Amino acid sequence: MGGTQTVKVDLEITEIKNNKFEVKTEMYIGDWYGADWDDLNGKGIKEFAPSLKAFFMLQHYYGYQPFETEIIYQSLDYIIV
């Protein structure tokens, strides 16, 4: 079950006083999960046969889209050097 992975990290570092920094972090992780022909012919089918077969059938014969997982992380930290 391959997929399309996206990882994006934005950092904004600002010195707010002598040797004190503000660090804003925003991270996005996205992934699409689907079942393809290789999943049915490889190791996955032996371990997860019923669920992969069902996922494959829904996706390729009934028009269901692969599902997407998104994680968005934000933080504001201060560093004193």
PDB file of N, CA and C in Angstrom:
ATOM      1  N   MET A   1       0.846  -1.170   0.000  1.00  0.00           N
ATOM      2  CA  MET A   1       0.000   0.000   0.000  1.00  0.00           C
ATOM      3  C   MET A   1       0.884   1.222   0.000  1.00  0.00           C
ATOM      4  N   GLY A   2       1.322   1.596  -1.141  1.00  0.00           N
ATOM      5  CA  GLY A   2       2.134   2.795  -1.258  1.00  0.00           C
ATOM      6  C   GLY A   2       1.293   4.013  -0.970  1.00  0.00           C
ATOM      7  N   GLY A   3       1.511   5.036  -1.653  1.00  0.00           N
ATOM      8  CA  GLY A   3       0.720   6.230  -1.432  1.00  0.00           C
ATOM      9  C   GLY A   3       1.516   7.448  -1.811  1.00  0.00           C
ATOM     10  N   THR A   4       0.878   8.561  -1.680  1.00  0.00           N
ATOM     11  CA  THR A   4       1.517   9.831  -1.972  1.00  0.00           C
ATOM     12  C   THR A   4       1.739  10.540  -0.654  1.00  0.00           C
ATOM     13  N   GLN A   5       2.982  10.718  -0.288  1.00  0.00           N
ATOM     14  CA  GLN A   5       3.299  11.371   0.970  1.00  0.00           C
ATOM     15  C   GLN A   5       3.761  12.803   0.720  1.00  0.00           C
ATOM     16  N   THR A   6       3.302  13.687   1.576  1.00  0.00           N
ATOM     17  CA  THR A   6       3.713  15.085   1.519  1.00  0.00           C
ATOM     18  C   THR A   6       4.153  15.505   2.914  1.00  0.00           C
ATOM     19  N   VAL A   7       5.328  16.089   3.002  1.00  0.00           N
ATOM     20  CA  VAL A   7       5.798  16.636   4.271  1.00  0.00           C
ATOM     21  C   VAL A   7       6.285  18.047   3.984  1.00  0.00           C
ATOM     22  N   LYS A   8       5.766  18.989   4.756  1.00  0.00           N
ATOM     23  CA  LYS A   8       6.163  20.386   4.590  1.00  0.00           C
ATOM     24  C   LYS A   8       6.425  20.958   5.973  1.00  0.00           C
ATOM     25  N   VAL A   9       7.572  21.587   6.145  1.00  0.00           N
ATOM     26  CA  VAL A   9       7.935  22.187   7.435  1.00  0.00           C
ATOM     27  C   VAL A   9       8.300  23.653   7.199  1.00  0.00           C
ATOM     28  N   ASP A  10       7.654  24.528   7.956  1.00  0.00           N
ATOM     29  CA  ASP A  10       7.972  25.949   7.917  1.00  0.00           C
ATOM     30  C   ASP A  10       8.514  26.358   9.282  1.00  0.00           C
ATOM     31  N   LEU A  11       9.675  26.993   9.286  1.00  0.00           N
ATOM     32  CA  LEU A  11      10.272  27.524  10.513  1.00  0.00           C
ATOM     33  C   LEU A  11      10.461  29.023  10.350  1.00  0.00           C
ATOM     34  N   GLU A  12      10.080  29.746  11.379  1.00  0.00           N
ATOM     35  CA  GLU A  12      10.327  31.186  11.400  1.00  0.00           C
ATOM     36  C   GLU A  12      11.058  31.479  12.707  1.00  0.00           C
ATOM     37  N   ILE A  13      12.295  31.934  12.600  1.00  0.00           N
ATOM     38  CA  ILE A  13      13.121  32.191  13.780  1.00  0.00           C
ATOM     39  C   ILE A  13      13.402  33.695  13.849  1.00  0.00           C
ATOM     40  N   THR A  14      13.050  34.289  14.987  1.00  0.00           N
ATOM     41  CA  THR A  14      13.207  35.726  15.168  1.00  0.00           C
ATOM     42  C   THR A  14      13.931  35.990  16.481  1.00  0.00           C
ATOM     43  N   GLU A  15      14.955  36.830  16.427  1.00  0.00           N
ATOM     44  CA  GLU A  15      15.627  37.226  17.668  1.00  0.00           C
ATOM     45  C   GLU A  15      14.794  38.339  18.295  1.00  0.00           C
ATOM     46  N   ILE A  16      14.307  38.106  19.516  1.00  0.00           N
ATOM     47  CA  ILE A  16      13.457  39.103  20.158  1.00  0.00           C
ATOM     48  C   ILE A  16      14.211  39.940  21.199  1.00  0.00           C
ATOM     49  N   LYS A  17      15.301  39.422  21.713  1.00  0.00           N
ATOM     50  CA  LYS A  17      16.214  40.145  22.605  1.00  0.00           C
ATOM     51  C   LYS A  17      17.597  39.581  22.343  1.00  0.00           C
ATOM     52  N   ASN A  18      18.599  40.143  22.992  1.00  0.00           N
ATOM     53  CA  ASN A  18      19.940  39.582  22.851  1.00  0.00           C
ATOM     54  C   ASN A  18      19.931  38.126  23.290  1.00  0.00           C
ATOM     55  N   ASN A  19      20.288  37.250  22.396  1.00  0.00           N
ATOM     56  CA  ASN A  19      20.407  35.817  22.661  1.00  0.00           C
ATOM     57  C   ASN A  19      19.104  35.125  23.072  1.00  0.00           C
ATOM     58  N   LYS A  20      17.959  35.738  22.778  1.00  0.00           N
ATOM     59  CA  LYS A  20      16.670  35.075  23.000  1.00  0.00           C
ATOM     60  C   LYS A  20      15.916  35.056  21.676  1.00  0.00           C
ATOM     61  N   PHE A  21      15.517  33.868  21.263  1.00  0.00           N
ATOM     62  CA  PHE A  21      14.901  33.676  19.962  1.00  0.00           C
ATOM     63  C   PHE A  21      13.505  33.087  20.094  1.00  0.00           C
ATOM     64  N   GLU A  22      12.624  33.522  19.224  1.00  0.00           N
ATOM     65  CA  GLU A  22      11.292  32.944  19.116  1.00  0.00           C
ATOM     66  C   GLU A  22      11.288  32.043  17.886  1.00  0.00           C
ATOM     67  N   VAL A  23      10.820  30.809  18.060  1.00  0.00           N
ATOM     68  CA  VAL A  23      10.801  29.838  16.963  1.00  0.00           C
ATOM     69  C   VAL A  23       9.365  29.398  16.726  1.00  0.00           C
ATOM     70  N   LYS A  24       8.830  29.754  15.560  1.00  0.00           N
ATOM     71  CA  LYS A  24       7.492  29.313  15.168  1.00  0.00           C
ATOM     72  C   LYS A  24       7.660  28.144  14.198  1.00  0.00           C
ATOM     73  N   THR A  25       7.002  27.057  14.511  1.00  0.00           N
ATOM     74  CA  THR A  25       7.095  25.854  13.681  1.00  0.00           C
ATOM     75  C   THR A  25       5.703  25.455  13.219  1.00  0.00           C
ATOM     76  N   GLU A  26       5.587  25.159  11.937  1.00  0.00           N
ATOM     77  CA  GLU A  26       4.354  24.586  11.409  1.00  0.00           C
ATOM     78  C   GLU A  26       4.748  23.424  10.503  1.00  0.00           C
ATOM     79  N   MET A  27       4.171  22.264  10.781  1.00  0.00           N
ATOM     80  CA  MET A  27       4.494  21.072  10.004  1.00  0.00           C
ATOM     81  C   MET A  27       3.200  20.457   9.477  1.00  0.00           C
ATOM     82  N   TYR A  28       3.227  20.074   8.210  1.00  0.00           N
ATOM     83  CA  TYR A  28       2.088  19.401   7.578  1.00  0.00           C
ATOM     84  C   TYR A  28       2.568  18.052   7.050  1.00  0.00           C
ATOM     85  N   ILE A  29       1.835  17.006   7.405  1.00  0.00           N
ATOM     86  CA  ILE A  29       2.123  15.671   6.872  1.00  0.00           C
ATOM     87  C   ILE A  29       0.828  15.157   6.272  1.00  0.00           C
ATOM     88  N   GLY A  30       0.878  14.790   5.009  1.00  0.00           N
ATOM     89  CA  GLY A  30      -0.295  14.258   4.327  1.00  0.00           C
ATOM     90  C   GLY A  30       0.043  12.958   3.633  1.00  0.00           C
ATOM     91  N   ASP A  31      -0.914  12.046   3.614  1.00  0.00           N
ATOM     92  CA  ASP A  31      -0.685  10.754   2.986  1.00  0.00           C
ATOM     93  C   ASP A  31      -1.993  10.226   2.423  1.00  0.00           C
ATOM     94  N   TRP A  32      -1.926   9.655   1.232  1.00  0.00           N
ATOM     95  CA  TRP A  32      -3.071   9.001   0.596  1.00  0.00           C
ATOM     96  C   TRP A  32      -2.833   7.504   0.637  1.00  0.00           C
ATOM     97  N   TYR A  33      -3.837   6.760   1.086  1.00  0.00           N
ATOM     98  CA  TYR A  33      -3.719   5.307   1.166  1.00  0.00           C
ATOM     99  C   TYR A  33      -4.689   4.655   0.192  1.00  0.00           C
ATOM    100  N   GLY A  34      -4.158   3.751  -0.597  1.00  0.00           N
ATOM    101  CA  GLY A  34      -4.989   3.000  -1.531  1.00  0.00           C
ATOM    102  C   GLY A  34      -4.390   1.626  -1.752  1.00  0.00           C
ATOM    103  N   ALA A  35      -5.156   0.744  -2.360  1.00  0.00           N
ATOM    104  CA  ALA A  35      -4.671  -0.605  -2.679  1.00  0.00           C
ATOM    105  C   ALA A  35      -4.565  -0.718  -4.192  1.00  0.00           C
ATOM    106  N   ASP A  36      -3.445  -1.292  -4.654  1.00  0.00           N
ATOM    107  CA  ASP A  36      -3.219  -1.438  -6.088  1.00  0.00           C
ATOM    108  C   ASP A  36      -2.867  -2.886  -6.402  1.00  0.00           C
ATOM    109  N   TRP A  37      -2.629  -3.172  -7.690  1.00  0.00           N
ATOM    110  CA  TRP A  37      -2.342  -4.538  -8.115  1.00  0.00           C
ATOM    111  C   TRP A  37      -1.168  -5.144  -7.369  1.00  0.00           C
ATOM    112  N   ASP A  38      -0.117  -4.361  -7.142  1.00  0.00           N
ATOM    113  CA  ASP A  38       1.061  -4.878  -6.439  1.00  0.00           C
ATOM    114  C   ASP A  38       0.716  -5.314  -5.010  1.00  0.00           C
ATOM    115  N   ASP A  39      -0.248  -4.650  -4.394  1.00  0.00           N
ATOM    116  CA  ASP A  39      -0.655  -5.034  -3.046  1.00  0.00           C
ATOM    117  C   ASP A  39      -1.313  -6.417  -3.044  1.00  0.00           C
ATOM    118  N   LEU A  40      -2.016  -6.735  -4.117  1.00  0.00           N
ATOM    119  CA  LEU A  40      -2.697  -8.032  -4.190  1.00  0.00           C
ATOM    120  C   LEU A  40      -1.735  -9.164  -4.526  1.00  0.00           C
ATOM    121  N   ASN A  41      -0.613  -8.849  -5.139  1.00  0.00           N
ATOM    122  CA  ASN A  41       0.335  -9.886  -5.554  1.00  0.00           C
ATOM    123  C   ASN A  41       1.546 -10.011  -4.644  1.00  0.00           C
ATOM    124  N   GLY A  42       1.690  -9.114  -3.696  1.00  0.00           N
ATOM    125  CA  GLY A  42       2.885  -9.117  -2.854  1.00  0.00           C
ATOM    126  C   GLY A  42       2.626  -9.670  -1.472  1.00  0.00           C
ATOM    127  N   LYS A  43       3.499  -9.327  -0.568  1.00  0.00           N
ATOM    128  CA  LYS A  43       3.446  -9.817   0.809  1.00  0.00           C
ATOM    129  C   LYS A  43       2.153  -9.390   1.506  1.00  0.00           C
ATOM    130  N   GLY A  44       1.689  -8.206   1.208  1.00  0.00           N
ATOM    131  CA  GLY A  44       0.505  -7.677   1.876  1.00  0.00           C
ATOM    132  C   GLY A  44      -0.710  -8.572   1.758  1.00  0.00           C
ATOM    133  N   ILE A  45      -0.899  -9.181   0.600  1.00  0.00           N
ATOM    134  CA  ILE A  45      -2.088 -10.008   0.400  1.00  0.00           C
ATOM    135  C   ILE A  45      -2.067 -11.241   1.300  1.00  0.00           C
ATOM    136  N   LYS A  46      -0.886 -11.740   1.611  1.00  0.00           N
ATOM    137  CA  LYS A  46      -0.780 -12.925   2.465  1.00  0.00           C
ATOM    138  C   LYS A  46      -1.114 -12.595   3.916  1.00  0.00           C
ATOM    139  N   GLU A  47      -0.756 -11.384   4.356  1.00  0.00           N
ATOM    140  CA  GLU A  47      -0.992 -11.006   5.750  1.00  0.00           C
ATOM    141  C   GLU A  47      -2.356 -10.355   5.969  1.00  0.00           C
ATOM    142  N   PHE A  48      -2.792  -9.565   5.003  1.00  0.00           N
ATOM    143  CA  PHE A  48      -4.015  -8.782   5.184  1.00  0.00           C
ATOM    144  C   PHE A  48      -5.004  -9.040   4.060  1.00  0.00           C
ATOM    145  N   ALA A  49      -5.084 -10.251   3.587  1.00  0.00           N
ATOM    146  CA  ALA A  49      -5.858 -10.590   2.393  1.00  0.00           C
ATOM    147  C   ALA A  49      -7.288 -10.057   2.393  1.00  0.00           C
ATOM    148  N   PRO A  50      -8.103 -10.323   3.384  1.00  0.00           N
ATOM    149  CA  PRO A  50      -9.499  -9.877   3.290  1.00  0.00           C
ATOM    150  C   PRO A  50      -9.644  -8.358   3.192  1.00  0.00           C
ATOM    151  N   SER A  51      -8.920  -7.625   4.036  1.00  0.00           N
ATOM    152  CA  SER A  51      -9.087  -6.171   4.017  1.00  0.00           C
ATOM    153  C   SER A  51      -8.505  -5.544   2.758  1.00  0.00           C
ATOM    154  N   LEU A  52      -7.348  -6.037   2.288  1.00  0.00           N
ATOM    155  CA  LEU A  52      -6.775  -5.482   1.053  1.00  0.00           C
ATOM    156  C   LEU A  52      -7.646  -5.794  -0.154  1.00  0.00           C
ATOM    157  N   LYS A  53      -8.186  -6.993  -0.211  1.00  0.00           N
ATOM    158  CA  LYS A  53      -9.085  -7.344  -1.330  1.00  0.00           C
ATOM    159  C   LYS A  53     -10.316  -6.441  -1.331  1.00  0.00           C
ATOM    160  N   ALA A  54     -10.885  -6.241  -0.149  1.00  0.00           N
ATOM    161  CA  ALA A  54     -12.068  -5.391  -0.052  1.00  0.00           C
ATOM    162  C   ALA A  54     -11.732  -3.953  -0.448  1.00  0.00           C
ATOM    163  N   PHE A  55     -10.620  -3.443   0.048  1.00  0.00           N
ATOM    164  CA  PHE A  55     -10.198  -2.085  -0.274  1.00  0.00           C
ATOM    165  C   PHE A  55      -9.958  -1.951  -1.775  1.00  0.00           C
ATOM    166  N   PHE A  56      -9.283  -2.938  -2.355  1.00  0.00           N
ATOM    167  CA  PHE A  56      -9.010  -2.925  -3.795  1.00  0.00           C
ATOM    168  C   PHE A  56     -10.313  -2.911  -4.588  1.00  0.00           C
ATOM    169  N   MET A  57     -11.248  -3.780  -4.229  1.00  0.00           N
ATOM    170  CA  MET A  57     -12.522  -3.871  -4.952  1.00  0.00           C
ATOM    171  C   MET A  57     -13.296  -2.548  -4.858  1.00  0.00           C
ATOM    172  N   LEU A  58     -13.385  -1.982  -3.660  1.00  0.00           N
ATOM    173  CA  LEU A  58     -14.084  -0.707  -3.506  1.00  0.00           C
ATOM    174  C   LEU A  58     -13.458   0.392  -4.347  1.00  0.00           C
ATOM    175  N   GLN A  59     -12.135   0.425  -4.346  1.00  0.00           N
ATOM    176  CA  GLN A  59     -11.416   1.488  -5.049  1.00  0.00           C
ATOM    177  C   GLN A  59     -11.497   1.331  -6.562  1.00  0.00           C
ATOM    178  N   HIS A  60     -11.265   0.112  -7.075  1.00  0.00           N
ATOM    179  CA  HIS A  60     -11.132  -0.068  -8.521  1.00  0.00           C
ATOM    180  C   HIS A  60     -12.418  -0.458  -9.242  1.00  0.00           C
ATOM    181  N   TYR A  61     -13.387  -1.010  -8.526  1.00  0.00           N
ATOM    182  CA  TYR A  61     -14.611  -1.451  -9.194  1.00  0.00           C
ATOM    183  C   TYR A  61     -15.854  -0.671  -8.775  1.00  0.00           C
ATOM    184  N   TYR A  62     -15.794   0.054  -7.660  1.00  0.00           N
ATOM    185  CA  TYR A  62     -16.964   0.784  -7.190  1.00  0.00           C
ATOM    186  C   TYR A  62     -16.719   2.284  -7.071  1.00  0.00           C
ATOM    187  N   GLY A  63     -15.556   2.746  -7.492  1.00  0.00           N
ATOM    188  CA  GLY A  63     -15.297   4.176  -7.574  1.00  0.00           C
ATOM    189  C   GLY A  63     -14.945   4.891  -6.280  1.00  0.00           C
ATOM    190  N   TYR A  64     -14.683   4.154  -5.208  1.00  0.00           N
ATOM    191  CA  TYR A  64     -14.274   4.810  -3.969  1.00  0.00           C
ATOM    192  C   TYR A  64     -12.844   5.330  -4.100  1.00  0.00           C
ATOM    193  N   GLN A  65     -12.597   6.491  -3.512  1.00  0.00           N
ATOM    194  CA  GLN A  65     -11.273   7.107  -3.571  1.00  0.00           C
ATOM    195  C   GLN A  65     -10.402   6.605  -2.421  1.00  0.00           C
ATOM    196  N   PRO A  66      -9.086   6.568  -2.639  1.00  0.00           N
ATOM    197  CA  PRO A  66      -8.186   6.281  -1.510  1.00  0.00           C
ATOM    198  C   PRO A  66      -8.436   7.305  -0.400  1.00  0.00           C
ATOM    199  N   PHE A  67      -8.196   6.911   0.835  1.00  0.00           N
ATOM    200  CA  PHE A  67      -8.453   7.851   1.919  1.00  0.00           C
ATOM    201  C   PHE A  67      -7.193   8.628   2.268  1.00  0.00           C
ATOM    202  N   GLU A  68      -7.421   9.820   2.801  1.00  0.00           N
ATOM    203  CA  GLU A  68      -6.323  10.749   3.097  1.00  0.00           C
ATOM    204  C   GLU A  68      -6.200  10.942   4.602  1.00  0.00           C
ATOM    205  N   THR A  69      -4.972  10.973   5.055  1.00  0.00           N
ATOM    206  CA  THR A  69      -4.673  11.302   6.442  1.00  0.00           C
ATOM    207  C   THR A  69      -3.854  12.581   6.442  1.00  0.00           C
ATOM    208  N   GLU A  70      -4.233  13.526   7.291  1.00  0.00           N
ATOM    209  CA  GLU A  70      -3.494  14.780   7.420  1.00  0.00           C
ATOM    210  C   GLU A  70      -3.152  15.018   8.887  1.00  0.00           C
ATOM    211  N   ILE A  71      -1.942  15.458   9.115  1.00  0.00           N
ATOM    212  CA  ILE A  71      -1.505  15.866  10.444  1.00  0.00           C
ATOM    213  C   ILE A  71      -0.933  17.272  10.307  1.00  0.00           C
ATOM    214  N   ILE A  72      -1.425  18.181  11.131  1.00  0.00           N
ATOM    215  CA  ILE A  72      -0.902  19.552  11.146  1.00  0.00           C
ATOM    216  C   ILE A  72      -0.432  19.847  12.564  1.00  0.00           C
ATOM    217  N   TYR A  73       0.832  20.204  12.678  1.00  0.00           N
ATOM    218  CA  TYR A  73       1.454  20.474  13.975  1.00  0.00           C
ATOM    219  C   TYR A  73       1.942  21.913  13.987  1.00  0.00           C
ATOM    220  N   GLN A  74       1.635  22.641  15.064  1.00  0.00           N
ATOM    221  CA  GLN A  74       2.108  24.013  15.215  1.00  0.00           C
ATOM    222  C   GLN A  74       2.672  24.189  16.619  1.00  0.00           C
ATOM    223  N   SER A  75       3.757  24.946  16.719  1.00  0.00           N
ATOM    224  CA  SER A  75       4.307  25.240  18.039  1.00  0.00           C
ATOM    225  C   SER A  75       4.979  26.604  18.033  1.00  0.00           C
ATOM    226  N   LEU A  76       5.057  27.174  19.224  1.00  0.00           N
ATOM    227  CA  LEU A  76       5.767  28.428  19.425  1.00  0.00           C
ATOM    228  C   LEU A  76       6.701  28.202  20.605  1.00  0.00           C
ATOM    229  N   ASP A  77       7.995  28.296  20.363  1.00  0.00           N
ATOM    230  CA  ASP A  77       8.997  28.003  21.389  1.00  0.00           C
ATOM    231  C   ASP A  77       9.963  29.174  21.506  1.00  0.00           C
ATOM    232  N   TYR A  78      10.620  29.211  22.652  1.00  0.00           N
ATOM    233  CA  TYR A  78      11.629  30.235  22.891  1.00  0.00           C
ATOM    234  C   TYR A  78      12.943  29.561  23.248  1.00  0.00           C
ATOM    235  N   ILE A  79      14.010  30.066  22.664  1.00  0.00           N
ATOM    236  CA  ILE A  79      15.348  29.521  22.903  1.00  0.00           C
ATOM    237  C   ILE A  79      16.222  30.649  23.448  1.00  0.00           C
ATOM    238  N   ILE A  80      16.894  30.359  24.550  1.00  0.00           N
ATOM    239  CA  ILE A  80      17.851  31.318  25.116  1.00  0.00           C
ATOM    240  C   ILE A  80      19.237  30.723  24.962  1.00  0.00           C
ATOM    241  N   VAL A  81      20.107  31.471  24.313  1.00  0.00           N
ATOM    242  CA  VAL A  81      21.459  30.980  24.042  1.00  0.00           C
ATOM    243  C   VAL A  81      22.436  31.645  24.975  1.00  0.00           C
TER     244      VAL A  81
END
